[in-house]
Amino acid sequence: MDRKGWVMRAVEALRLATFKEIQRYLDEEGEPFSKKELLDTLKALVAEGLLEEKGGVYRPARKKGSAEAFRRLFGD
């Protein structure tokens, strides 16, 4: 599993998590990340829309509705 996969797994397991909680989870799973690696990965996942961040707390991004999927499939 790549870095993004591990971080997504951690956030999905924890639901709402701070940087330190995610880091602790990954350490316990045997996948230690440097602080920079973890921070860069979290920023990338937020930029891709897979995670949401507010006040230093991360959570999986809310799923878009079926209207959004329909729009993407058939265009506007």
N, C-alpha and C. Protein backbone atom coordinates (compact mmCIF):
# COMPACT_ATOMS: atom_id res chain seq x y z
N MET A 1 0.85 -1.17 0.00
CA MET A 1 0.00 0.00 0.00
C MET A 1 0.91 1.24 0.00
N ASP A 2 0.49 2.26 -0.74
CA ASP A 2 1.29 3.49 -0.80
C ASP A 2 0.96 4.41 0.37
N ARG A 3 1.66 5.55 0.43
CA ARG A 3 1.47 6.49 1.55
C ARG A 3 0.04 6.98 1.65
N LYS A 4 -0.55 7.36 0.51
CA LYS A 4 -1.92 7.87 0.54
C LYS A 4 -2.89 6.80 1.04
N GLY A 5 -2.65 5.57 0.64
CA GLY A 5 -3.51 4.47 1.08
C GLY A 5 -3.45 4.28 2.59
N TRP A 6 -2.25 4.34 3.15
CA TRP A 6 -2.10 4.18 4.60
C TRP A 6 -2.75 5.32 5.35
N VAL A 7 -2.59 6.54 4.86
CA VAL A 7 -3.18 7.69 5.55
C VAL A 7 -4.71 7.63 5.45
N MET A 8 -5.24 7.27 4.30
CA MET A 8 -6.69 7.13 4.16
C MET A 8 -7.22 6.05 5.09
N ARG A 9 -6.50 4.95 5.19
CA ARG A 9 -6.91 3.87 6.09
C ARG A 9 -6.96 4.36 7.53
N ALA A 10 -5.97 5.13 7.93
CA ALA A 10 -5.91 5.65 9.29
C ALA A 10 -7.08 6.60 9.56
N VAL A 11 -7.34 7.52 8.65
CA VAL A 11 -8.40 8.51 8.85
C VAL A 11 -9.77 7.82 8.82
N GLU A 12 -9.95 6.85 7.94
CA GLU A 12 -11.22 6.13 7.90
C GLU A 12 -11.46 5.34 9.18
N ALA A 13 -10.41 4.78 9.74
CA ALA A 13 -10.55 4.02 10.99
C ALA A 13 -10.85 4.93 12.17
N LEU A 14 -10.24 6.11 12.17
CA LEU A 14 -10.39 7.03 13.30
C LEU A 14 -11.58 7.97 13.14
N ARG A 15 -12.09 8.13 11.93
CA ARG A 15 -13.19 9.03 11.57
C ARG A 15 -12.83 10.50 11.71
N LEU A 16 -12.60 11.02 12.88
CA LEU A 16 -12.14 12.38 13.11
C LEU A 16 -10.80 12.27 13.81
N ALA A 17 -9.75 12.85 13.25
CA ALA A 17 -8.43 12.66 13.83
C ALA A 17 -7.53 13.86 13.61
N THR A 18 -6.72 14.13 14.61
CA THR A 18 -5.70 15.16 14.49
C THR A 18 -4.45 14.55 13.87
N PHE A 19 -3.50 15.41 13.55
CA PHE A 19 -2.23 14.96 12.98
C PHE A 19 -1.58 13.92 13.89
N LYS A 20 -1.52 14.21 15.20
CA LYS A 20 -0.86 13.31 16.15
C LYS A 20 -1.58 11.97 16.27
N GLU A 21 -2.91 11.98 16.20
CA GLU A 21 -3.66 10.72 16.27
C GLU A 21 -3.42 9.86 15.04
N ILE A 22 -3.35 10.49 13.89
CA ILE A 22 -3.05 9.76 12.66
C ILE A 22 -1.64 9.18 12.72
N GLN A 23 -0.70 9.98 13.19
CA GLN A 23 0.68 9.54 13.31
C GLN A 23 0.78 8.35 14.28
N ARG A 24 0.09 8.43 15.39
CA ARG A 24 0.11 7.33 16.37
C ARG A 24 -0.49 6.05 15.77
N TYR A 25 -1.59 6.18 15.05
CA TYR A 25 -2.21 5.03 14.41
C TYR A 25 -1.24 4.36 13.44
N LEU A 26 -0.59 5.17 12.61
CA LEU A 26 0.35 4.61 11.63
C LEU A 26 1.54 3.94 12.32
N ASP A 27 2.03 4.54 13.38
CA ASP A 27 3.13 3.94 14.14
C ASP A 27 2.73 2.58 14.71
N GLU A 28 1.51 2.51 15.25
CA GLU A 28 1.02 1.25 15.82
C GLU A 28 0.83 0.18 14.76
N GLU A 29 0.51 0.59 13.53
CA GLU A 29 0.34 -0.35 12.44
C GLU A 29 1.68 -0.77 11.81
N GLY A 30 2.76 -0.18 12.28
CA GLY A 30 4.08 -0.53 11.76
C GLY A 30 4.47 0.23 10.50
N GLU A 31 3.82 1.35 10.25
CA GLU A 31 4.12 2.18 9.08
C GLU A 31 4.51 3.59 9.54
N PRO A 32 5.68 3.73 10.14
CA PRO A 32 6.07 5.06 10.61
C PRO A 32 6.36 6.00 9.44
N PHE A 33 5.82 7.20 9.54
CA PHE A 33 6.04 8.26 8.56
C PHE A 33 6.80 9.37 9.26
N SER A 34 7.63 10.08 8.51
CA SER A 34 8.22 11.29 9.07
C SER A 34 7.12 12.34 9.13
N LYS A 35 7.32 13.37 9.95
CA LYS A 35 6.30 14.42 10.06
C LYS A 35 6.06 15.09 8.72
N LYS A 36 7.14 15.34 7.99
CA LYS A 36 7.01 15.99 6.68
C LYS A 36 6.25 15.11 5.70
N GLU A 37 6.57 13.82 5.66
CA GLU A 37 5.86 12.90 4.76
C GLU A 37 4.37 12.88 5.06
N LEU A 38 4.04 12.78 6.33
CA LEU A 38 2.64 12.70 6.73
C LEU A 38 1.92 14.01 6.40
N LEU A 39 2.54 15.13 6.71
CA LEU A 39 1.92 16.43 6.44
C LEU A 39 1.72 16.63 4.94
N ASP A 40 2.72 16.29 4.14
CA ASP A 40 2.60 16.41 2.68
C ASP A 40 1.49 15.52 2.14
N THR A 41 1.38 14.31 2.66
CA THR A 41 0.35 13.38 2.22
C THR A 41 -1.03 13.88 2.61
N LEU A 42 -1.18 14.39 3.81
CA LEU A 42 -2.47 14.94 4.24
C LEU A 42 -2.88 16.12 3.36
N LYS A 43 -1.93 17.00 3.07
CA LYS A 43 -2.23 18.15 2.21
C LYS A 43 -2.65 17.70 0.81
N ALA A 44 -1.97 16.69 0.28
CA ALA A 44 -2.30 16.18 -1.05
C ALA A 44 -3.71 15.57 -1.07
N LEU A 45 -4.06 14.83 -0.03
CA LEU A 45 -5.38 14.20 0.03
C LEU A 45 -6.48 15.24 0.18
N VAL A 46 -6.21 16.30 0.92
CA VAL A 46 -7.18 17.40 1.04
C VAL A 46 -7.34 18.09 -0.31
N ALA A 47 -6.23 18.33 -1.01
CA ALA A 47 -6.27 18.97 -2.32
C ALA A 47 -7.03 18.13 -3.34
N GLU A 48 -6.94 16.80 -3.24
CA GLU A 48 -7.64 15.90 -4.15
C GLU A 48 -9.12 15.75 -3.79
N GLY A 49 -9.49 16.25 -2.62
CA GLY A 49 -10.88 16.15 -2.20
C GLY A 49 -11.24 14.85 -1.51
N LEU A 50 -10.23 14.07 -1.14
CA LEU A 50 -10.50 12.80 -0.45
C LEU A 50 -10.64 12.98 1.05
N LEU A 51 -10.03 14.03 1.58
CA LEU A 51 -10.13 14.35 3.00
C LEU A 51 -10.60 15.79 3.17
N GLU A 52 -11.23 16.05 4.31
CA GLU A 52 -11.58 17.41 4.70
C GLU A 52 -10.79 17.75 5.95
N GLU A 53 -10.38 19.02 6.06
CA GLU A 53 -9.61 19.46 7.23
C GLU A 53 -10.23 20.74 7.75
N LYS A 54 -10.45 20.77 9.05
CA LYS A 54 -10.97 21.98 9.68
C LYS A 54 -10.40 22.08 11.08
N GLY A 55 -9.66 23.13 11.32
CA GLY A 55 -9.09 23.35 12.65
C GLY A 55 -8.10 22.28 13.07
N GLY A 56 -7.39 21.70 12.12
CA GLY A 56 -6.40 20.68 12.45
C GLY A 56 -6.98 19.29 12.63
N VAL A 57 -8.26 19.12 12.34
CA VAL A 57 -8.91 17.81 12.46
C VAL A 57 -9.26 17.33 11.05
N TYR A 58 -8.87 16.11 10.76
CA TYR A 58 -9.09 15.52 9.44
C TYR A 58 -10.21 14.49 9.51
N ARG A 59 -10.96 14.38 8.40
CA ARG A 59 -11.99 13.36 8.29
C ARG A 59 -12.17 13.02 6.82
N PRO A 60 -12.73 11.85 6.54
CA PRO A 60 -12.98 11.51 5.13
C PRO A 60 -13.95 12.53 4.53
N ALA A 61 -13.75 12.86 3.28
CA ALA A 61 -14.61 13.83 2.60
C ALA A 61 -16.00 13.24 2.44
N ARG A 62 -16.97 14.10 2.51
CA ARG A 62 -18.35 13.66 2.31
C ARG A 62 -18.53 13.24 0.87
N LYS A 63 -19.34 12.25 0.69
CA LYS A 63 -19.63 11.77 -0.66
C LYS A 63 -20.51 12.77 -1.37
N LYS A 64 -20.26 12.95 -2.63
CA LYS A 64 -21.09 13.83 -3.45
C LYS A 64 -22.39 13.10 -3.78
N GLY A 65 -23.42 13.84 -4.04
CA GLY A 65 -24.72 13.25 -4.35
C GLY A 65 -24.74 12.61 -5.72
N SER A 66 -25.83 11.94 -5.99
CA SER A 66 -25.96 11.26 -7.28
C SER A 66 -26.05 12.27 -8.42
N ALA A 67 -26.54 13.48 -8.13
CA ALA A 67 -26.60 14.50 -9.17
C ALA A 67 -25.21 14.85 -9.67
N GLU A 68 -24.24 14.91 -8.76
CA GLU A 68 -22.86 15.20 -9.14
C GLU A 68 -22.30 14.08 -10.02
N ALA A 69 -22.57 12.84 -9.67
CA ALA A 69 -22.10 11.70 -10.47
C ALA A 69 -22.73 11.72 -11.86
N PHE A 70 -24.00 12.02 -11.91
CA PHE A 70 -24.71 12.11 -13.19
C PHE A 70 -24.11 13.21 -14.06
N ARG A 71 -23.81 14.36 -13.45
CA ARG A 71 -23.23 15.49 -14.17
C ARG A 71 -21.86 15.11 -14.74
N ARG A 72 -21.07 14.41 -13.93
CA ARG A 72 -19.73 14.00 -14.39
C ARG A 72 -19.82 12.99 -15.51
N LEU A 73 -20.79 12.10 -15.42
CA LEU A 73 -20.92 11.04 -16.41
C LEU A 73 -21.37 11.59 -17.77
N PHE A 74 -22.35 12.45 -17.76
CA PHE A 74 -22.91 12.93 -19.01
C PHE A 74 -22.55 14.37 -19.38
N GLY A 75 -21.82 15.04 -18.53
CA GLY A 75 -21.43 16.41 -18.82
C GLY A 75 -22.55 17.38 -18.48
N ASP A 76 -22.25 18.64 -18.59
CA ASP A 76 -23.25 19.67 -18.23
C ASP A 76 -24.10 20.09 -19.39
